[in-house]
Every structure is written in C-alpha cells, then in structure tokens.
Amino acid sequence: MREEYMIERQGKRFVLYAGLLEEAHTRGLRSIETELLQVPAAENGDVAIVRAVVRLEDGKYAGIGDASPQNVGRQIVPHIIRMAETRAKARALRDAINVGVTAFEELGGEEAPGERYPAASFAEGEGDGSGQKAGGGRQAAREENRGELPATRKQLNYLEALVSDVVEDGIGKFEEMVGKPIGELTREEASDWIGRLSGRAA
C-alpha cells in the first residue's frame, strides 16, 4: 500500500479507503455491489446495516458494515446509511487485497482528508429485509407495527449467517437464548438481534 494512503491517529496507523480502492483496481477489480440489509429506524436503534461484495479476477469477497448514532461522529449522523456502506466496502476490500490495517473510514469519528460521502448506490434487491426500498422507507417503517409482523426471509437468512459466525454452538444455542425457534422471531426481534450480533462480528 502506498504511503500516501496511510494515516496516523493517536499512535495507530490506518489505511484510507481511496488506497484500498486503487490497490483493488491494480489487482483486477471487476465490481463492488452493496445491499442495504436494514434501514435505520426507531424500532432498531437507528442502526443501518449494509453488505458489500467485491469481485476481483480471482474471486469475490464480502463484508458487513453497520452504523448508528452511537458509533459514528456527530457530523456523520445524517449520513448513517452511507457510512454503513463505506464500512462494508472497506472491509470487503481489505479482505480482497489482504490488508490487515483498519480503514480510517471505518472509525466513523471524522471524515478522512478530502473524503466526501457520495450518495449510497445499492444493488438491485436493496432493502431492509422488509420490502422497503433503500431510498425512502424510513417513515413508513416507523409507522408499521413491526412488533406483530414475522421476520422476513432475508432477515432470517442474514441472522442465521451471523449466528453461525458469532454464537458458539450455532442456531441451537441461539434458540435456547431467545426461548423460541429462530423462524418464530418477529421482524422487530430479528432487527434487534441483527444489530447486536453484527457488532460482535465486526
């Protein structure tokens, strides 16, 4: 990684997203696709969750990013979805090009030098797992009575992947923790557990 793309804060070194992207291009970057898995809303603690998939000539690499008012700086709060997308892409790119240093943009406390957050551009099928489109379902999500609705298949698929990655003994242990089969979770419960477990998986 070129030195111009490295930055130091409080004695620690970080890589800039621009450096990850440039290096990926030199290694045959084909595409970066993102999908909004959860729209931030009051019911889920305003947590945005995004999945990114980076495709190089030698394969594909995925990363999950989340952002909320609790883990970003005040100036980033209006851009939570875009911050979650940036974190997801940075993590996928780091895996793709084998960079172990955390991306500066993943911290969320301040913008990187010269960094501007472009409008998030999600792949087809975007949404929070509830059929809501990324661009404007926030108010509708707040008005919807999520507590009574069953978890969507997208939520359950994502949650099952998180459980397998984070919870020792997998689904069985998780169901014991929540006191019901994973398939019986409500949409609100699924969102809550996705928020909890994604933080531990990051």
C-alpha atoms as a PDB file:
ATOM      1  CA  MET A   1       0.000   0.000   0.000  1.00  0.00           C
ATOM      2  CA  ARG A   2       1.420   3.388  -0.994  1.00  0.00           C
ATOM      3  CA  GLU A   3       2.459   5.574   1.938  1.00  0.00           C
ATOM      4  CA  GLU A   4       0.306   8.470   0.769  1.00  0.00           C
ATOM      5  CA  TYR A   5      -2.747   6.348   1.581  1.00  0.00           C
ATOM      6  CA  MET A   6      -1.675   5.704   5.164  1.00  0.00           C
ATOM      7  CA  ILE A   7      -2.705   7.962   8.033  1.00  0.00           C
ATOM      8  CA  GLU A   8      -1.815   8.021  11.724  1.00  0.00           C
ATOM      9  CA  ARG A   9      -4.164   8.868  14.576  1.00  0.00           C
ATOM     10  CA  GLN A  10      -3.341   8.547  18.290  1.00  0.00           C
ATOM     11  CA  GLY A  11      -0.284   6.444  17.537  1.00  0.00           C
ATOM     12  CA  LYS A  12      -2.121   3.972  15.290  1.00  0.00           C
ATOM     13  CA  ARG A  13      -1.885   3.632  11.523  1.00  0.00           C
ATOM     14  CA  PHE A  14      -4.895   3.361   9.254  1.00  0.00           C
ATOM     15  CA  VAL A  15      -5.372   2.976   5.527  1.00  0.00           C
ATOM     16  CA  LEU A  16      -7.580   5.317   3.524  1.00  0.00           C
ATOM     17  CA  TYR A  17     -10.466   3.903   1.527  1.00  0.00           C
ATOM     18  CA  ALA A  18      -9.073   5.542  -1.617  1.00  0.00           C
ATOM     19  CA  GLY A  19      -5.919   3.471  -1.224  1.00  0.00           C
ATOM     20  CA  LEU A  20      -7.870   0.242  -0.881  1.00  0.00           C
ATOM     21  CA  LEU A  21      -9.849   1.078  -3.996  1.00  0.00           C
ATOM     22  CA  GLU A  22      -6.761   1.947  -6.044  1.00  0.00           C
ATOM     23  CA  GLU A  23      -4.994  -1.242  -4.996  1.00  0.00           C
ATOM     24  CA  ALA A  24      -8.072  -3.290  -5.856  1.00  0.00           C
ATOM     25  CA  HIS A  25      -8.090  -1.774  -9.344  1.00  0.00           C
ATOM     26  CA  THR A  26      -4.475  -2.815  -9.853  1.00  0.00           C
ATOM     27  CA  ARG A  27      -5.490  -6.368  -8.933  1.00  0.00           C
ATOM     28  CA  GLY A  28      -8.311  -6.600 -11.423  1.00  0.00           C
ATOM     29  CA  LEU A  29     -11.334  -5.131  -9.635  1.00  0.00           C
ATOM     30  CA  ARG A  30     -14.459  -6.034 -11.581  1.00  0.00           C
ATOM     31  CA  SER A  31     -17.251  -4.690  -9.415  1.00  0.00           C
ATOM     32  CA  ILE A  32     -18.410  -3.602  -5.970  1.00  0.00           C
ATOM     33  CA  GLU A  33     -22.042  -4.291  -5.138  1.00  0.00           C
ATOM     34  CA  THR A  34     -23.809  -3.196  -1.967  1.00  0.00           C
ATOM     35  CA  GLU A  35     -27.128  -4.155  -0.440  1.00  0.00           C
ATOM     36  CA  LEU A  36     -28.943  -2.361   2.356  1.00  0.00           C
ATOM     37  CA  LEU A  37     -29.955  -5.080   4.799  1.00  0.00           C
ATOM     38  CA  GLN A  38     -31.530  -2.843   7.427  1.00  0.00           C
ATOM     39  CA  VAL A  39     -32.923   0.677   7.143  1.00  0.00           C
ATOM     40  CA  PRO A  40     -32.227   2.738  10.286  1.00  0.00           C
ATOM     41  CA  ALA A  41     -35.436   3.336  12.239  1.00  0.00           C
ATOM     42  CA  ALA A  42     -36.503   3.986  15.813  1.00  0.00           C
ATOM     43  CA  GLU A  43     -37.508   0.347  16.223  1.00  0.00           C
ATOM     44  CA  ASN A  44     -33.946  -0.897  15.597  1.00  0.00           C
ATOM     45  CA  GLY A  45     -31.987   1.835  17.331  1.00  0.00           C
ATOM     46  CA  ASP A  46     -31.351   3.691  14.056  1.00  0.00           C
ATOM     47  CA  VAL A  47     -28.818   1.043  13.030  1.00  0.00           C
ATOM     48  CA  ALA A  48     -28.084   0.807   9.306  1.00  0.00           C
ATOM     49  CA  ILE A  49     -26.598  -2.483   8.073  1.00  0.00           C
ATOM     50  CA  VAL A  50     -25.059  -2.914   4.632  1.00  0.00           C
ATOM     51  CA  ARG A  51     -23.455  -5.891   2.896  1.00  0.00           C
ATOM     52  CA  ALA A  52     -20.796  -5.319   0.236  1.00  0.00           C
ATOM     53  CA  VAL A  53     -19.449  -7.809  -2.296  1.00  0.00           C
ATOM     54  CA  VAL A  54     -16.160  -7.094  -4.065  1.00  0.00           C
ATOM     55  CA  ARG A  55     -15.354  -9.085  -7.191  1.00  0.00           C
ATOM     56  CA  LEU A  56     -11.765  -9.429  -8.387  1.00  0.00           C
ATOM     57  CA  GLU A  57     -10.428 -11.620 -11.156  1.00  0.00           C
ATOM     58  CA  ASP A  58      -9.580 -14.315  -8.609  1.00  0.00           C
ATOM     59  CA  GLY A  59     -12.912 -14.416  -6.763  1.00  0.00           C
ATOM     60  CA  LYS A  60     -15.390 -12.487  -4.635  1.00  0.00           C
ATOM     61  CA  TYR A  61     -15.147 -11.144  -1.086  1.00  0.00           C
ATOM     62  CA  ALA A  62     -17.927  -9.932   1.208  1.00  0.00           C
ATOM     63  CA  GLY A  63     -18.035  -7.529   4.119  1.00  0.00           C
ATOM     64  CA  ILE A  64     -20.700  -6.299   6.544  1.00  0.00           C
ATOM     65  CA  GLY A  65     -20.843  -2.740   7.806  1.00  0.00           C
ATOM     66  CA  ASP A  66     -23.128  -1.127  10.353  1.00  0.00           C
ATOM     67  CA  ALA A  67     -23.543   2.435  11.546  1.00  0.00           C
ATOM     68  CA  SER A  68     -25.676   4.153  14.156  1.00  0.00           C
ATOM     69  CA  PRO A  69     -25.651   7.428  16.099  1.00  0.00           C
ATOM     70  CA  GLN A  70     -23.772   5.535  18.826  1.00  0.00           C
ATOM     71  CA  ASN A  71     -20.773   4.525  16.695  1.00  0.00           C
ATOM     72  CA  VAL A  72     -20.208   7.490  14.383  1.00  0.00           C
ATOM     73  CA  GLY A  73     -19.207  11.082  14.988  1.00  0.00           C
ATOM     74  CA  ARG A  74     -21.874  13.753  15.285  1.00  0.00           C
ATOM     75  CA  GLN A  75     -21.125  15.164  11.848  1.00  0.00           C
ATOM     76  CA  ILE A  76     -21.662  11.724  10.287  1.00  0.00           C
ATOM     77  CA  VAL A  77     -25.053  11.041  11.924  1.00  0.00           C
ATOM     78  CA  PRO A  78     -27.031  12.478   8.966  1.00  0.00           C
ATOM     79  CA  HIS A  79     -25.146  10.063   6.693  1.00  0.00           C
ATOM     80  CA  ILE A  80     -25.575   6.801   8.620  1.00  0.00           C
ATOM     81  CA  ILE A  81     -26.564   4.671   5.624  1.00  0.00           C
ATOM     82  CA  ARG A  82     -23.653   5.916   3.558  1.00  0.00           C
ATOM     83  CA  MET A  83     -21.285   5.333   6.477  1.00  0.00           C
ATOM     84  CA  ALA A  84     -22.506   1.754   6.836  1.00  0.00           C
ATOM     85  CA  GLU A  85     -21.957   1.275   3.106  1.00  0.00           C
ATOM     86  CA  THR A  86     -18.432   2.706   3.298  1.00  0.00           C
ATOM     87  CA  ARG A  87     -17.558   0.413   6.203  1.00  0.00           C
ATOM     88  CA  ALA A  88     -18.918  -2.617   4.381  1.00  0.00           C
ATOM     89  CA  LYS A  89     -16.975  -1.809   1.220  1.00  0.00           C
ATOM     90  CA  ALA A  90     -13.785  -1.096   3.156  1.00  0.00           C
ATOM     91  CA  ARG A  91     -13.992  -4.437   4.979  1.00  0.00           C
ATOM     92  CA  ALA A  92     -14.668  -6.335   1.767  1.00  0.00           C
ATOM     93  CA  LEU A  93     -11.799  -4.569   0.010  1.00  0.00           C
ATOM     94  CA  ARG A  94      -9.410  -5.264   2.880  1.00  0.00           C
ATOM     95  CA  ASP A  95     -10.204  -8.966   2.638  1.00  0.00           C
ATOM     96  CA  ALA A  96      -9.913  -8.901  -1.137  1.00  0.00           C
ATOM     97  CA  ILE A  97      -6.423  -7.398  -1.201  1.00  0.00           C
ATOM     98  CA  ASN A  98      -5.243  -8.868   2.099  1.00  0.00           C
ATOM     99  CA  VAL A  99      -4.774  -5.662   4.096  1.00  0.00           C
ATOM    100  CA  GLY A 100      -4.860  -6.154   7.856  1.00  0.00           C
ATOM    101  CA  VAL A 101      -4.818  -2.462   8.782  1.00  0.00           C
ATOM    102  CA  THR A 102      -8.207  -0.969   9.633  1.00  0.00           C
ATOM    103  CA  ALA A 103      -9.562   1.570   7.167  1.00  0.00           C
ATOM    104  CA  PHE A 104      -9.726   5.092   8.586  1.00  0.00           C
ATOM    105  CA  GLU A 105     -13.290   5.480   7.332  1.00  0.00           C
ATOM    106  CA  GLU A 106     -14.381   2.504   9.447  1.00  0.00           C
ATOM    107  CA  LEU A 107     -13.832   4.541  12.612  1.00  0.00           C
ATOM    108  CA  GLY A 108     -16.628   6.981  11.855  1.00  0.00           C
ATOM    109  CA  GLY A 109     -15.382   9.696  14.154  1.00  0.00           C
ATOM    110  CA  GLU A 110     -14.364  12.127  11.455  1.00  0.00           C
ATOM    111  CA  GLU A 111     -14.057  12.354   7.719  1.00  0.00           C
ATOM    112  CA  ALA A 112     -10.781  11.363   6.137  1.00  0.00           C
ATOM    113  CA  PRO A 113      -8.714  14.094   4.456  1.00  0.00           C
ATOM    114  CA  GLY A 114     -10.545  15.041   1.275  1.00  0.00           C
ATOM    115  CA  GLU A 115     -13.252  12.438   1.918  1.00  0.00           C
ATOM    116  CA  ARG A 116     -16.789  13.115   0.765  1.00  0.00           C
ATOM    117  CA  TYR A 117     -19.613  10.670   1.175  1.00  0.00           C
ATOM    118  CA  PRO A 118     -21.304  10.072  -2.186  1.00  0.00           C
ATOM    119  CA  ALA A 119     -24.915   9.031  -2.379  1.00  0.00           C
ATOM    120  CA  ALA A 120     -25.239   5.382  -1.485  1.00  0.00           C
ATOM    121  CA  SER A 121     -25.938   3.233  -4.541  1.00  0.00           C
ATOM    122  CA  PHE A 122     -27.289  -0.182  -3.696  1.00  0.00           C
ATOM    123  CA  ALA A 123     -27.629  -3.215  -5.905  1.00  0.00           C
ATOM    124  CA  GLU A 124     -30.990  -4.411  -7.115  1.00  0.00           C
ATOM    125  CA  GLY A 125     -32.969  -6.058  -4.347  1.00  0.00           C
ATOM    126  CA  GLU A 126     -31.974  -3.382  -1.876  1.00  0.00           C
ATOM    127  CA  GLY A 127     -33.964  -3.009   1.292  1.00  0.00           C
ATOM    128  CA  ASP A 128     -34.041  -3.722   4.982  1.00  0.00           C
ATOM    129  CA  GLY A 129     -35.457  -7.202   4.652  1.00  0.00           C
ATOM    130  CA  SER A 130     -38.998  -5.894   4.885  1.00  0.00           C
ATOM    131  CA  GLY A 131     -39.611  -4.989   1.258  1.00  0.00           C
ATOM    132  CA  GLN A 132     -38.703  -1.349   1.930  1.00  0.00           C
ATOM    133  CA  LYS A 133     -36.513   0.300  -0.701  1.00  0.00           C
ATOM    134  CA  ALA A 134     -33.334   1.964   0.491  1.00  0.00           C
ATOM    135  CA  GLY A 135     -34.239   5.427  -0.699  1.00  0.00           C
ATOM    136  CA  GLY A 136     -37.316   6.233   1.299  1.00  0.00           C
ATOM    137  CA  GLY A 137     -38.911   3.653   3.522  1.00  0.00           C
ATOM    138  CA  ARG A 138     -37.823   5.134   6.828  1.00  0.00           C
ATOM    139  CA  GLN A 139     -41.042   6.936   7.723  1.00  0.00           C
ATOM    140  CA  ALA A 140     -43.151   4.007   6.554  1.00  0.00           C
ATOM    141  CA  ALA A 141     -41.021   1.682   8.641  1.00  0.00           C
ATOM    142  CA  ARG A 142     -41.707   3.772  11.711  1.00  0.00           C
ATOM    143  CA  GLU A 143     -45.416   3.726  11.119  1.00  0.00           C
ATOM    144  CA  GLU A 144     -45.532  -0.006  10.519  1.00  0.00           C
ATOM    145  CA  ASN A 145     -46.305  -2.200  13.500  1.00  0.00           C
ATOM    146  CA  ARG A 146     -43.196  -4.326  13.254  1.00  0.00           C
ATOM    147  CA  GLY A 147     -43.745  -5.964  16.600  1.00  0.00           C
ATOM    148  CA  GLU A 148     -46.577  -8.058  15.177  1.00  0.00           C
ATOM    149  CA  LEU A 149     -45.011  -8.966  11.833  1.00  0.00           C
ATOM    150  CA  PRO A 150     -42.953 -12.146  11.372  1.00  0.00           C
ATOM    151  CA  ALA A 151     -39.309 -11.778  10.430  1.00  0.00           C
ATOM    152  CA  THR A 152     -38.704 -11.753   6.690  1.00  0.00           C
ATOM    153  CA  ARG A 153     -36.758 -14.482   4.919  1.00  0.00           C
ATOM    154  CA  LYS A 154     -33.957 -12.016   4.179  1.00  0.00           C
ATOM    155  CA  GLN A 155     -33.695 -11.132   7.872  1.00  0.00           C
ATOM    156  CA  LEU A 156     -33.652 -14.800   8.882  1.00  0.00           C
ATOM    157  CA  ASN A 157     -31.028 -15.726   6.294  1.00  0.00           C
ATOM    158  CA  TYR A 158     -28.771 -12.921   7.449  1.00  0.00           C
ATOM    159  CA  LEU A 159     -29.394 -13.649  11.112  1.00  0.00           C
ATOM    160  CA  GLU A 160     -28.618 -17.347  10.634  1.00  0.00           C
ATOM    161  CA  ALA A 161     -25.317 -16.414   8.993  1.00  0.00           C
ATOM    162  CA  LEU A 162     -24.457 -14.102  11.896  1.00  0.00           C
ATOM    163  CA  VAL A 163     -25.403 -16.719  14.491  1.00  0.00           C
ATOM    164  CA  SER A 164     -23.227 -19.336  12.818  1.00  0.00           C
ATOM    165  CA  ASP A 165     -20.324 -16.891  12.829  1.00  0.00           C
ATOM    166  CA  VAL A 166     -20.726 -15.406  16.316  1.00  0.00           C
ATOM    167  CA  VAL A 167     -22.638 -17.772  18.622  1.00  0.00           C
ATOM    168  CA  GLU A 168     -20.825 -20.805  19.960  1.00  0.00           C
ATOM    169  CA  ASP A 169     -22.830 -23.977  19.179  1.00  0.00           C
ATOM    170  CA  GLY A 170     -24.751 -22.063  16.498  1.00  0.00           C
ATOM    171  CA  ILE A 171     -28.504 -21.999  15.944  1.00  0.00           C
ATOM    172  CA  GLY A 172     -29.367 -24.408  18.752  1.00  0.00           C
ATOM    173  CA  LYS A 173     -27.665 -22.253  21.366  1.00  0.00           C
ATOM    174  CA  PHE A 174     -29.192 -19.082  19.917  1.00  0.00           C
ATOM    175  CA  GLU A 175     -32.715 -20.526  20.056  1.00  0.00           C
ATOM    176  CA  GLU A 176     -32.086 -21.509  23.661  1.00  0.00           C
ATOM    177  CA  MET A 177     -31.014 -17.915  24.382  1.00  0.00           C
ATOM    178  CA  VAL A 178     -34.111 -16.331  22.825  1.00  0.00           C
ATOM    179  CA  GLY A 179     -36.528 -19.004  24.022  1.00  0.00           C
ATOM    180  CA  LYS A 180     -38.079 -19.813  20.642  1.00  0.00           C
ATOM    181  CA  PRO A 181     -37.177 -21.218  17.212  1.00  0.00           C
ATOM    182  CA  ILE A 182     -35.386 -18.668  15.058  1.00  0.00           C
ATOM    183  CA  GLY A 183     -38.173 -18.920  12.475  1.00  0.00           C
ATOM    184  CA  GLU A 184     -40.700 -17.592  15.012  1.00  0.00           C
ATOM    185  CA  LEU A 185     -38.935 -14.281  15.613  1.00  0.00           C
ATOM    186  CA  THR A 186     -40.848 -11.115  14.813  1.00  0.00           C
ATOM    187  CA  ARG A 187     -39.408  -8.526  12.461  1.00  0.00           C
ATOM    188  CA  GLU A 188     -38.563  -6.265  15.389  1.00  0.00           C
ATOM    189  CA  GLU A 189     -36.846  -9.076  17.303  1.00  0.00           C
ATOM    190  CA  ALA A 190     -34.843 -10.079  14.242  1.00  0.00           C
ATOM    191  CA  SER A 191     -33.696  -6.490  13.707  1.00  0.00           C
ATOM    192  CA  ASP A 192     -32.683  -6.244  17.347  1.00  0.00           C
ATOM    193  CA  TRP A 193     -30.590  -9.426  17.206  1.00  0.00           C
ATOM    194  CA  ILE A 194     -29.030  -8.452  13.875  1.00  0.00           C
ATOM    195  CA  GLY A 195     -27.909  -5.193  15.455  1.00  0.00           C
ATOM    196  CA  ARG A 196     -26.443  -6.946  18.486  1.00  0.00           C
ATOM    197  CA  LEU A 197     -24.651  -9.716  16.632  1.00  0.00           C
ATOM    198  CA  SER A 198     -23.326  -7.621  13.758  1.00  0.00           C
ATOM    199  CA  GLY A 199     -21.404  -5.521  16.284  1.00  0.00           C
ATOM    200  CA  ARG A 200     -19.740  -8.649  17.661  1.00  0.00           C
ATOM    201  CA  ALA A 201     -18.933  -9.938  14.179  1.00  0.00           C
ATOM    202  CA  ALA A 202     -17.312  -6.708  13.027  1.00  0.00           C
END
